[in-house]
């Protein structure tokens, strides 16, 4: 059977939406077909199994969440400094907040990877490659710090984002709160990003 690459991508994007909304248990062929607005049975023609669907979602999510090179170039216009790294980290948080669906789906995929070897292999490869690329970028750009600086920033900011996306009440950010209270929570997140950079990145 001839398969349409664009249709496959649309199905994987639909799978990511389902993951973010329903969790790993909700990721079924039927749910993906419904999310993509295609006839029942379509996704089962594109993916050999549910395991294959998870693996393809893990492979595609990094493409979906990758930053635009032009945006990176714009953020990097100032000279290398600790302040620039702080700007980069704030930008990362803003991007992840804007791509909330993708980030939540990634968390679901990480948990599911503990039970699916093929998915674990794919996520490990992709995240390791992403981290190594960030290290090269940091060093070649002349930013302060060394490879371990990048690793520590990676783990610290990702840990912060897990709290922001899964337990926003830790920061006082709750859907029932007023706009003013949510703004205060955003300021606290911003303050913590600055603190992470100041503690990890050499002056």
N, C-alpha and C. Protein backbone atom coordinates (compact mmCIF):
# COMPACT_ATOMS: atom_id res chain seq x y z
N UNK A 1 0.83 -1.20 0.00
CA UNK A 1 0.00 0.00 0.00
C UNK A 1 0.87 1.26 0.00
N UNK A 2 0.58 2.22 -0.88
CA UNK A 2 1.31 3.48 -0.93
C UNK A 2 0.79 4.38 0.18
N UNK A 3 1.71 4.88 1.02
CA UNK A 3 1.32 5.73 2.14
C UNK A 3 1.77 7.15 1.89
N UNK A 4 0.93 8.10 2.27
CA UNK A 4 1.17 9.52 2.08
C UNK A 4 1.99 10.05 3.27
N UNK A 5 3.22 10.57 3.02
CA UNK A 5 4.04 11.08 4.13
C UNK A 5 3.37 12.21 4.90
N UNK A 6 2.64 13.07 4.17
CA UNK A 6 1.96 14.18 4.85
C UNK A 6 0.85 13.65 5.77
N UNK A 7 0.16 12.62 5.32
CA UNK A 7 -0.89 12.01 6.14
C UNK A 7 -0.26 11.38 7.39
N UNK A 8 0.88 10.73 7.21
CA UNK A 8 1.57 10.13 8.37
C UNK A 8 1.92 11.20 9.39
N UNK A 9 2.47 12.33 8.92
CA UNK A 9 2.85 13.41 9.84
C UNK A 9 1.63 13.95 10.56
N UNK A 10 0.51 14.11 9.83
CA UNK A 10 -0.72 14.60 10.46
C UNK A 10 -1.21 13.62 11.52
N UNK A 11 -1.06 12.33 11.27
CA UNK A 11 -1.48 11.33 12.24
C UNK A 11 -0.59 11.36 13.48
N UNK A 12 0.71 11.55 13.29
CA UNK A 12 1.62 11.63 14.44
C UNK A 12 1.34 12.89 15.26
N UNK A 13 1.06 13.99 14.57
CA UNK A 13 0.69 15.22 15.29
C UNK A 13 -0.60 15.00 16.09
N UNK A 14 -1.53 14.28 15.50
CA UNK A 14 -2.77 13.96 16.22
C UNK A 14 -2.48 13.09 17.43
N UNK A 15 -1.54 12.16 17.29
CA UNK A 15 -1.16 11.30 18.41
C UNK A 15 -0.59 12.14 19.55
N UNK A 16 0.21 13.15 19.23
CA UNK A 16 0.79 14.03 20.24
C UNK A 16 -0.30 14.81 20.97
N UNK A 17 -1.31 15.27 20.23
CA UNK A 17 -2.43 15.97 20.85
C UNK A 17 -3.18 15.04 21.82
N UNK A 18 -3.40 13.80 21.38
CA UNK A 18 -4.11 12.84 22.23
C UNK A 18 -3.29 12.54 23.48
N UNK A 19 -1.98 12.36 23.33
CA UNK A 19 -1.12 12.09 24.48
C UNK A 19 -1.21 13.20 25.52
N UNK A 20 -1.15 14.44 25.05
CA UNK A 20 -1.18 15.58 25.97
C UNK A 20 -2.52 15.68 26.69
N UNK A 21 -3.59 15.34 26.00
CA UNK A 21 -4.94 15.50 26.58
C UNK A 21 -5.39 14.29 27.37
N UNK A 22 -5.12 13.09 26.84
CA UNK A 22 -5.68 11.87 27.42
C UNK A 22 -4.64 11.01 28.15
N UNK A 23 -3.36 11.28 27.92
CA UNK A 23 -2.32 10.44 28.51
C UNK A 23 -2.05 9.22 27.66
N UNK A 24 -1.05 8.43 28.08
CA UNK A 24 -0.62 7.28 27.29
C UNK A 24 -1.73 6.25 27.11
N UNK A 25 -2.54 6.05 28.13
CA UNK A 25 -3.61 5.05 28.04
C UNK A 25 -4.65 5.43 26.99
N UNK A 26 -4.79 6.73 26.76
CA UNK A 26 -5.78 7.18 25.78
C UNK A 26 -5.30 7.16 24.35
N UNK A 27 -4.01 6.83 24.15
CA UNK A 27 -3.46 6.82 22.79
C UNK A 27 -3.81 5.50 22.09
N UNK A 28 -4.90 5.53 21.36
CA UNK A 28 -5.35 4.37 20.59
C UNK A 28 -5.48 4.78 19.13
N UNK A 29 -5.54 3.81 18.25
CA UNK A 29 -5.73 4.11 16.83
C UNK A 29 -7.05 4.86 16.62
N UNK A 30 -8.08 4.43 17.34
CA UNK A 30 -9.39 5.06 17.20
C UNK A 30 -9.32 6.54 17.61
N UNK A 31 -8.61 6.81 18.72
CA UNK A 31 -8.50 8.20 19.21
C UNK A 31 -7.70 9.06 18.23
N UNK A 32 -6.66 8.49 17.66
CA UNK A 32 -5.84 9.23 16.69
C UNK A 32 -6.65 9.54 15.44
N UNK A 33 -7.39 8.56 14.95
CA UNK A 33 -8.23 8.78 13.76
C UNK A 33 -9.24 9.90 14.02
N UNK A 34 -9.85 9.87 15.20
CA UNK A 34 -10.85 10.89 15.53
C UNK A 34 -10.19 12.27 15.62
N UNK A 35 -9.03 12.34 16.26
CA UNK A 35 -8.33 13.62 16.41
C UNK A 35 -7.90 14.18 15.06
N UNK A 36 -7.45 13.29 14.16
CA UNK A 36 -6.99 13.73 12.84
C UNK A 36 -8.15 13.97 11.88
N UNK A 37 -9.35 13.54 12.24
CA UNK A 37 -10.50 13.72 11.36
C UNK A 37 -10.44 12.86 10.12
N UNK A 38 -9.95 11.62 10.29
CA UNK A 38 -9.84 10.70 9.16
C UNK A 38 -10.72 9.48 9.41
N UNK A 39 -11.02 8.70 8.38
CA UNK A 39 -11.86 7.51 8.58
C UNK A 39 -11.26 6.53 9.56
N UNK A 40 -12.11 5.86 10.30
CA UNK A 40 -11.66 4.83 11.24
C UNK A 40 -10.83 3.79 10.52
N UNK A 41 -9.73 3.40 11.13
CA UNK A 41 -8.84 2.40 10.54
C UNK A 41 -7.67 3.00 9.78
N UNK A 42 -7.67 4.33 9.60
CA UNK A 42 -6.59 4.96 8.82
C UNK A 42 -5.24 4.80 9.50
N UNK A 43 -5.17 5.13 10.78
CA UNK A 43 -3.86 5.10 11.46
C UNK A 43 -3.30 3.68 11.55
N UNK A 44 -4.18 2.68 11.63
CA UNK A 44 -3.67 1.30 11.69
C UNK A 44 -3.05 0.87 10.37
N UNK A 45 -3.32 1.61 9.29
CA UNK A 45 -2.67 1.34 8.01
C UNK A 45 -1.29 1.98 7.93
N UNK A 46 -1.01 2.92 8.81
CA UNK A 46 0.27 3.64 8.79
C UNK A 46 1.25 3.17 9.86
N UNK A 47 0.72 2.56 10.92
CA UNK A 47 1.58 2.14 12.04
C UNK A 47 1.34 0.67 12.32
N UNK A 48 2.43 -0.08 12.44
CA UNK A 48 2.33 -1.54 12.58
C UNK A 48 1.67 -1.95 13.89
N UNK A 49 1.82 -1.13 14.91
CA UNK A 49 1.29 -1.47 16.23
C UNK A 49 1.20 -0.20 17.06
N UNK A 50 0.61 -0.32 18.23
CA UNK A 50 0.57 0.82 19.15
C UNK A 50 1.98 1.20 19.56
N UNK A 51 2.83 0.22 19.73
CA UNK A 51 4.23 0.48 20.08
C UNK A 51 4.90 1.31 18.99
N UNK A 52 4.62 1.00 17.75
CA UNK A 52 5.17 1.76 16.62
C UNK A 52 4.65 3.20 16.65
N UNK A 53 3.38 3.37 17.00
CA UNK A 53 2.78 4.70 17.08
C UNK A 53 3.50 5.54 18.16
N UNK A 54 3.75 4.94 19.32
CA UNK A 54 4.49 5.65 20.38
C UNK A 54 5.89 6.03 19.89
N UNK A 55 6.57 5.11 19.24
CA UNK A 55 7.93 5.36 18.79
C UNK A 55 7.97 6.48 17.76
N UNK A 56 7.02 6.48 16.82
CA UNK A 56 6.97 7.53 15.81
C UNK A 56 6.65 8.89 16.44
N UNK A 57 5.79 8.89 17.46
CA UNK A 57 5.50 10.14 18.17
C UNK A 57 6.75 10.64 18.87
N UNK A 58 7.52 9.73 19.46
CA UNK A 58 8.77 10.12 20.11
C UNK A 58 9.79 10.66 19.14
N UNK A 59 9.77 10.15 17.93
CA UNK A 59 10.71 10.63 16.90
C UNK A 59 10.29 12.00 16.37
N UNK A 60 8.99 12.21 16.22
CA UNK A 60 8.50 13.44 15.60
C UNK A 60 8.43 14.61 16.56
N UNK A 61 8.26 14.35 17.83
CA UNK A 61 8.01 15.45 18.76
C UNK A 61 9.19 16.41 18.84
N UNK A 62 10.39 15.91 18.61
CA UNK A 62 11.57 16.79 18.64
C UNK A 62 11.60 17.70 17.42
N UNK A 63 11.11 17.20 16.31
CA UNK A 63 11.01 18.04 15.10
C UNK A 63 9.99 19.14 15.35
N UNK A 64 8.87 18.77 15.93
CA UNK A 64 7.79 19.71 16.20
C UNK A 64 8.22 20.80 17.19
N UNK A 65 9.04 20.46 18.17
CA UNK A 65 9.40 21.39 19.22
C UNK A 65 10.73 22.11 18.97
N UNK A 66 11.38 21.79 17.85
CA UNK A 66 12.67 22.44 17.55
C UNK A 66 12.47 23.93 17.30
N UNK A 67 13.40 24.76 17.78
CA UNK A 67 13.25 26.21 17.57
C UNK A 67 13.53 26.61 16.12
N UNK A 68 12.93 27.70 15.70
CA UNK A 68 13.18 28.27 14.38
C UNK A 68 14.60 28.86 14.38
N UNK A 69 15.45 28.48 13.41
CA UNK A 69 16.82 29.01 13.36
C UNK A 69 16.88 30.54 13.35
N UNK A 70 15.91 31.18 12.71
CA UNK A 70 15.89 32.65 12.69
C UNK A 70 15.64 33.22 14.08
N UNK A 71 14.80 32.54 14.86
CA UNK A 71 14.54 32.99 16.22
C UNK A 71 15.80 32.83 17.07
N UNK A 72 16.51 31.73 16.87
CA UNK A 72 17.76 31.51 17.60
C UNK A 72 18.76 32.61 17.28
N UNK A 73 18.89 32.93 16.00
CA UNK A 73 19.82 33.97 15.57
C UNK A 73 19.46 35.32 16.20
N UNK A 74 18.17 35.61 16.30
CA UNK A 74 17.73 36.88 16.89
C UNK A 74 18.08 36.94 18.37
N UNK A 75 17.83 35.84 19.08
CA UNK A 75 18.13 35.80 20.51
C UNK A 75 19.63 35.92 20.76
N UNK A 76 20.43 35.42 19.82
CA UNK A 76 21.89 35.39 19.99
C UNK A 76 22.57 36.68 19.55
N UNK A 77 21.84 37.69 19.16
CA UNK A 77 22.46 38.92 18.65
C UNK A 77 23.38 39.61 19.66
N UNK A 78 23.00 39.70 20.95
CA UNK A 78 23.94 40.29 21.91
C UNK A 78 25.20 39.43 22.06
N UNK A 79 26.28 40.04 22.56
CA UNK A 79 27.52 39.30 22.75
C UNK A 79 27.38 38.25 23.83
N UNK A 80 28.24 37.21 23.81
CA UNK A 80 28.16 36.13 24.79
C UNK A 80 28.40 36.64 26.21
N UNK A 81 27.50 36.29 27.13
CA UNK A 81 27.61 36.72 28.51
C UNK A 81 26.64 35.89 29.35
N UNK A 82 26.74 36.03 30.65
CA UNK A 82 25.78 35.37 31.54
C UNK A 82 24.37 35.93 31.27
N UNK A 83 24.29 37.23 31.02
CA UNK A 83 22.99 37.85 30.75
C UNK A 83 22.34 37.25 29.50
N UNK A 84 23.15 36.95 28.49
CA UNK A 84 22.61 36.33 27.28
C UNK A 84 22.09 34.93 27.59
N UNK A 85 22.80 34.19 28.42
CA UNK A 85 22.32 32.85 28.79
C UNK A 85 20.99 32.96 29.53
N UNK A 86 20.86 33.96 30.41
CA UNK A 86 19.59 34.16 31.10
C UNK A 86 18.48 34.44 30.09
N UNK A 87 18.77 35.27 29.08
CA UNK A 87 17.78 35.56 28.03
C UNK A 87 17.40 34.28 27.29
N UNK A 88 18.39 33.44 27.00
CA UNK A 88 18.13 32.18 26.32
C UNK A 88 17.22 31.27 27.15
N UNK A 89 17.48 31.18 28.45
CA UNK A 89 16.68 30.32 29.32
C UNK A 89 15.25 30.84 29.45
N UNK A 90 15.08 32.16 29.53
CA UNK A 90 13.73 32.72 29.56
C UNK A 90 13.01 32.43 28.24
N UNK A 91 13.75 32.50 27.15
CA UNK A 91 13.17 32.22 25.84
C UNK A 91 12.72 30.76 25.76
N UNK A 92 13.54 29.86 26.29
CA UNK A 92 13.18 28.44 26.30
C UNK A 92 11.87 28.23 27.07
N UNK A 93 11.76 28.87 28.24
CA UNK A 93 10.55 28.73 29.04
C UNK A 93 9.34 29.27 28.29
N UNK A 94 9.50 30.41 27.63
CA UNK A 94 8.38 30.97 26.84
C UNK A 94 7.99 30.04 25.71
N UNK A 95 8.98 29.47 25.01
CA UNK A 95 8.69 28.55 23.90
C UNK A 95 7.95 27.32 24.39
N UNK A 96 8.42 26.74 25.51
CA UNK A 96 7.78 25.54 26.03
C UNK A 96 6.36 25.84 26.51
N UNK A 97 6.17 27.04 27.08
CA UNK A 97 4.83 27.42 27.51
C UNK A 97 3.90 27.56 26.31
N UNK A 98 4.42 28.13 25.22
CA UNK A 98 3.63 28.28 24.01
C UNK A 98 3.33 26.92 23.37
N UNK A 99 4.23 25.95 23.57
CA UNK A 99 4.07 24.60 23.02
C UNK A 99 3.70 23.64 24.16
N UNK A 100 2.73 24.06 24.97
CA UNK A 100 2.36 23.28 26.16
C UNK A 100 1.94 21.86 25.80
N UNK A 101 1.19 21.73 24.72
CA UNK A 101 0.75 20.40 24.29
C UNK A 101 1.94 19.48 24.03
N UNK A 102 2.93 19.99 23.29
CA UNK A 102 4.10 19.18 23.00
C UNK A 102 4.86 18.79 24.25
N UNK A 103 4.97 19.73 25.19
CA UNK A 103 5.73 19.44 26.40
C UNK A 103 5.02 18.38 27.25
N UNK A 104 3.71 18.50 27.39
CA UNK A 104 2.96 17.50 28.16
C UNK A 104 3.04 16.13 27.48
N UNK A 105 2.96 16.12 26.16
CA UNK A 105 3.09 14.85 25.43
C UNK A 105 4.47 14.24 25.65
N UNK A 106 5.50 15.10 25.69
CA UNK A 106 6.85 14.61 25.94
C UNK A 106 6.95 13.95 27.32
N UNK A 107 6.33 14.55 28.33
CA UNK A 107 6.34 13.94 29.66
C UNK A 107 5.67 12.57 29.64
N UNK A 108 4.55 12.47 28.92
CA UNK A 108 3.86 11.18 28.79
C UNK A 108 4.77 10.15 28.10
N UNK A 109 5.45 10.59 27.05
CA UNK A 109 6.34 9.68 26.32
C UNK A 109 7.50 9.23 27.19
N UNK A 110 8.04 10.12 28.00
CA UNK A 110 9.15 9.75 28.89
C UNK A 110 8.71 8.65 29.86
N UNK A 111 7.52 8.81 30.43
CA UNK A 111 7.04 7.78 31.35
C UNK A 111 6.78 6.47 30.63
N UNK A 112 6.18 6.56 29.45
CA UNK A 112 5.89 5.34 28.69
C UNK A 112 7.17 4.65 28.24
N UNK A 113 8.24 5.43 28.07
CA UNK A 113 9.52 4.86 27.64
C UNK A 113 10.10 3.88 28.67
N UNK A 114 9.67 3.99 29.93
CA UNK A 114 10.15 3.05 30.94
C UNK A 114 9.57 1.66 30.72
N UNK A 115 8.54 1.57 29.86
CA UNK A 115 7.87 0.29 29.61
C UNK A 115 8.01 -0.18 28.17
N UNK A 116 8.51 0.70 27.29
CA UNK A 116 8.60 0.36 25.87
C UNK A 116 10.04 0.56 25.39
N UNK A 117 10.80 -0.52 25.22
CA UNK A 117 12.21 -0.41 24.86
C UNK A 117 12.47 0.38 23.57
N UNK A 118 11.65 0.19 22.55
CA UNK A 118 11.87 0.90 21.28
C UNK A 118 11.69 2.40 21.48
N UNK A 119 10.70 2.79 22.25
CA UNK A 119 10.48 4.20 22.53
C UNK A 119 11.62 4.76 23.37
N UNK A 120 12.07 4.00 24.35
CA UNK A 120 13.20 4.43 25.19
C UNK A 120 14.44 4.67 24.34
N UNK A 121 14.70 3.77 23.40
CA UNK A 121 15.85 3.93 22.51
C UNK A 121 15.73 5.19 21.67
N UNK A 122 14.55 5.44 21.14
CA UNK A 122 14.33 6.62 20.29
C UNK A 122 14.46 7.91 21.09
N UNK A 123 13.84 7.98 22.26
CA UNK A 123 13.92 9.19 23.07
C UNK A 123 15.34 9.44 23.56
N UNK A 124 16.02 8.37 23.95
CA UNK A 124 17.41 8.51 24.42
C UNK A 124 18.28 9.08 23.31
N UNK A 125 18.12 8.54 22.10
CA UNK A 125 18.91 9.03 20.97
C UNK A 125 18.62 10.50 20.70
N UNK A 126 17.34 10.85 20.66
CA UNK A 126 16.96 12.21 20.31
C UNK A 126 17.39 13.23 21.37
N UNK A 127 17.16 12.90 22.64
CA UNK A 127 17.49 13.85 23.71
C UNK A 127 18.99 13.97 23.88
N UNK A 128 19.69 12.85 23.74
CA UNK A 128 21.16 12.92 23.81
C UNK A 128 21.72 13.78 22.68
N UNK A 129 21.20 13.60 21.47
CA UNK A 129 21.66 14.39 20.33
C UNK A 129 21.36 15.87 20.53
N UNK A 130 20.18 16.17 21.10
CA UNK A 130 19.79 17.55 21.35
C UNK A 130 20.72 18.18 22.39
N UNK A 131 21.01 17.44 23.46
CA UNK A 131 21.89 17.97 24.50
C UNK A 131 23.30 18.19 23.96
N UNK A 132 23.81 17.24 23.17
CA UNK A 132 25.14 17.39 22.59
C UNK A 132 25.20 18.58 21.63
N UNK A 133 24.12 18.80 20.88
CA UNK A 133 24.07 19.95 19.97
C UNK A 133 24.07 21.25 20.77
N UNK A 134 23.35 21.27 21.90
CA UNK A 134 23.33 22.47 22.75
C UNK A 134 24.70 22.75 23.34
N UNK A 135 25.41 21.69 23.70
CA UNK A 135 26.77 21.86 24.25
C UNK A 135 27.69 22.45 23.19
N UNK A 136 27.62 21.90 21.97
CA UNK A 136 28.46 22.43 20.88
C UNK A 136 28.13 23.88 20.61
N UNK A 137 26.85 24.20 20.56
CA UNK A 137 26.40 25.57 20.31
C UNK A 137 26.94 26.51 21.39
N UNK A 138 26.85 26.10 22.63
CA UNK A 138 27.31 26.91 23.75
C UNK A 138 28.80 27.20 23.65
N UNK A 139 29.56 26.14 23.43
CA UNK A 139 31.02 26.29 23.38
C UNK A 139 31.45 27.10 22.16
N UNK A 140 30.89 26.78 20.99
CA UNK A 140 31.28 27.48 19.76
C UNK A 140 30.83 28.93 19.75
N UNK A 141 29.79 29.26 20.52
CA UNK A 141 29.31 30.64 20.60
C UNK A 141 30.12 31.48 21.58
N UNK A 142 31.02 30.83 22.32
CA UNK A 142 31.83 31.55 23.28
C UNK A 142 31.09 31.96 24.54
N UNK A 143 29.98 31.28 24.84
CA UNK A 143 29.22 31.59 26.05
C UNK A 143 29.99 31.13 27.28
N UNK A 144 29.84 31.83 28.40
CA UNK A 144 30.60 31.45 29.60
C UNK A 144 30.18 30.08 30.12
N UNK A 145 31.17 29.36 30.66
CA UNK A 145 30.91 28.03 31.18
C UNK A 145 31.45 26.95 30.27
N UNK A 146 31.25 25.71 30.68
CA UNK A 146 31.77 24.56 29.95
C UNK A 146 30.63 23.58 29.68
N UNK A 147 30.92 22.41 29.13
CA UNK A 147 29.84 21.45 28.86
C UNK A 147 28.99 21.11 30.08
N UNK A 148 29.63 21.03 31.26
CA UNK A 148 28.84 20.73 32.46
C UNK A 148 27.88 21.86 32.81
N UNK A 149 28.23 23.09 32.46
CA UNK A 149 27.32 24.22 32.66
C UNK A 149 26.03 23.98 31.88
N UNK A 150 26.18 23.53 30.64
CA UNK A 150 25.01 23.27 29.79
C UNK A 150 24.18 22.12 30.37
N UNK A 151 24.86 21.08 30.83
CA UNK A 151 24.15 19.93 31.40
C UNK A 151 23.34 20.36 32.63
N UNK A 152 23.95 21.15 33.50
CA UNK A 152 23.26 21.59 34.71
C UNK A 152 22.07 22.49 34.38
N UNK A 153 22.24 23.38 33.40
CA UNK A 153 21.13 24.23 32.97
C UNK A 153 20.00 23.37 32.41
N UNK A 154 20.35 22.38 31.62
CA UNK A 154 19.37 21.47 31.02
C UNK A 154 18.53 20.80 32.11
N UNK A 155 19.19 20.22 33.10
CA UNK A 155 18.46 19.49 34.13
C UNK A 155 17.67 20.44 35.04
N UNK A 156 18.24 21.59 35.37
CA UNK A 156 17.56 22.52 36.27
C UNK A 156 16.32 23.14 35.62
N UNK A 157 16.46 23.63 34.40
CA UNK A 157 15.32 24.28 33.74
C UNK A 157 14.24 23.27 33.40
N UNK A 158 14.64 22.07 32.97
CA UNK A 158 13.63 21.04 32.71
C UNK A 158 12.89 20.64 33.97
N UNK A 159 13.61 20.57 35.10
CA UNK A 159 12.95 20.27 36.36
C UNK A 159 11.96 21.35 36.74
N UNK A 160 12.33 22.59 36.53
CA UNK A 160 11.43 23.71 36.80
C UNK A 160 10.18 23.63 35.93
N UNK A 161 10.38 23.30 34.65
CA UNK A 161 9.23 23.22 33.73
C UNK A 161 8.28 22.08 34.10
N UNK A 162 8.82 20.98 34.62
CA UNK A 162 7.94 19.89 35.06
C UNK A 162 6.99 20.40 36.13
N UNK A 163 7.50 21.17 37.10
CA UNK A 163 6.64 21.72 38.14
C UNK A 163 5.61 22.69 37.55
N UNK A 164 6.07 23.58 36.68
CA UNK A 164 5.19 24.59 36.09
C UNK A 164 4.03 23.93 35.34
N UNK A 165 4.32 22.85 34.60
CA UNK A 165 3.30 22.23 33.76
C UNK A 165 2.43 21.21 34.50
N UNK A 166 2.96 20.59 35.53
CA UNK A 166 2.20 19.52 36.17
C UNK A 166 1.60 19.93 37.51
N UNK A 167 2.29 20.74 38.28
CA UNK A 167 1.80 21.18 39.59
C UNK A 167 1.96 22.69 39.74
N UNK A 168 1.23 23.45 38.93
CA UNK A 168 1.39 24.90 38.96
C UNK A 168 1.07 25.52 40.31
N UNK A 169 0.29 24.79 41.14
CA UNK A 169 -0.02 25.30 42.47
C UNK A 169 1.20 25.47 43.35
N UNK A 170 2.28 24.74 43.02
CA UNK A 170 3.53 24.90 43.76
C UNK A 170 4.00 26.35 43.69
N UNK A 171 3.72 26.99 42.57
CA UNK A 171 4.11 28.38 42.37
C UNK A 171 2.96 29.34 42.65
N UNK A 172 1.85 28.81 43.12
CA UNK A 172 0.69 29.65 43.37
C UNK A 172 -0.12 29.92 42.12
N UNK A 173 0.19 29.22 41.03
CA UNK A 173 -0.53 29.44 39.76
C UNK A 173 -1.63 28.39 39.63
N UNK A 174 -2.85 28.80 39.88
CA UNK A 174 -3.98 27.89 39.85
C UNK A 174 -5.08 28.49 38.97
N UNK A 175 -5.78 27.65 38.20
CA UNK A 175 -6.83 28.19 37.32
C UNK A 175 -7.88 29.02 38.05
N UNK A 176 -8.06 28.76 39.34
CA UNK A 176 -9.06 29.50 40.12
C UNK A 176 -8.54 30.86 40.58
N UNK A 177 -7.23 31.09 40.43
CA UNK A 177 -6.66 32.33 40.91
C UNK A 177 -6.97 33.50 39.98
N UNK A 178 -6.82 34.68 40.50
CA UNK A 178 -7.04 35.89 39.72
C UNK A 178 -5.89 36.09 38.74
N UNK A 179 -6.09 36.97 37.78
CA UNK A 179 -5.03 37.29 36.82
C UNK A 179 -3.81 37.84 37.53
N UNK A 180 -4.04 38.63 38.59
CA UNK A 180 -2.93 39.20 39.34
C UNK A 180 -2.10 38.10 40.01
N UNK A 181 -2.79 37.10 40.57
CA UNK A 181 -2.08 36.00 41.23
C UNK A 181 -1.30 35.17 40.22
N UNK A 182 -1.88 34.95 39.03
CA UNK A 182 -1.16 34.21 38.00
C UNK A 182 0.07 34.98 37.53
N UNK A 183 -0.07 36.31 37.45
CA UNK A 183 1.07 37.13 37.06
C UNK A 183 2.18 37.02 38.10
N UNK A 184 1.82 36.93 39.36
CA UNK A 184 2.81 36.77 40.42
C UNK A 184 3.53 35.43 40.28
N UNK A 185 2.78 34.38 39.91
CA UNK A 185 3.40 33.07 39.70
C UNK A 185 4.38 33.10 38.53
N UNK A 186 4.00 33.81 37.45
CA UNK A 186 4.90 33.94 36.31
C UNK A 186 6.19 34.67 36.72
N UNK A 187 6.03 35.68 37.57
CA UNK A 187 7.21 36.41 38.05
C UNK A 187 8.11 35.52 38.90
N UNK A 188 7.48 34.63 39.69
CA UNK A 188 8.27 33.72 40.51
C UNK A 188 9.04 32.74 39.62
N UNK A 189 8.39 32.24 38.57
CA UNK A 189 9.09 31.36 37.63
C UNK A 189 10.26 32.09 36.99
N UNK A 190 10.04 33.33 36.58
CA UNK A 190 11.09 34.14 35.97
C UNK A 190 12.24 34.36 36.95
N UNK A 191 11.89 34.63 38.21
CA UNK A 191 12.92 34.84 39.23
C UNK A 191 13.78 33.59 39.41
N UNK A 192 13.12 32.42 39.39
CA UNK A 192 13.86 31.17 39.56
C UNK A 192 14.77 30.88 38.37
N UNK A 193 14.33 31.23 37.17
CA UNK A 193 15.20 31.07 36.00
C UNK A 193 16.45 31.92 36.17
N UNK A 194 16.28 33.17 36.59
CA UNK A 194 17.44 34.05 36.82
C UNK A 194 18.34 33.47 37.90
N UNK A 195 17.74 32.91 38.93
CA UNK A 195 18.52 32.33 40.03
C UNK A 195 19.31 31.11 39.56
N UNK A 196 18.67 30.26 38.76
CA UNK A 196 19.36 29.09 38.20
C UNK A 196 20.60 29.52 37.42
N UNK A 197 20.43 30.52 36.56
CA UNK A 197 21.55 30.99 35.74
C UNK A 197 22.65 31.59 36.61
N UNK A 198 22.27 32.38 37.59
CA UNK A 198 23.28 33.06 38.41
C UNK A 198 24.06 32.06 39.26
N UNK A 199 23.41 30.95 39.66
CA UNK A 199 24.09 29.96 40.49
C UNK A 199 24.94 28.99 39.67
N UNK A 200 24.56 28.77 38.41
CA UNK A 200 25.24 27.74 37.61
C UNK A 200 26.29 28.33 36.67
N UNK A 201 25.99 29.48 36.07
CA UNK A 201 26.87 30.04 35.02
C UNK A 201 27.92 30.94 35.65
N UNK A 202 29.21 30.71 35.35
CA UNK A 202 30.25 31.59 35.90
C UNK A 202 30.13 33.00 35.34
N UNK A 203 30.50 33.98 36.16
CA UNK A 203 30.40 35.37 35.75
C UNK A 203 31.54 35.69 34.78
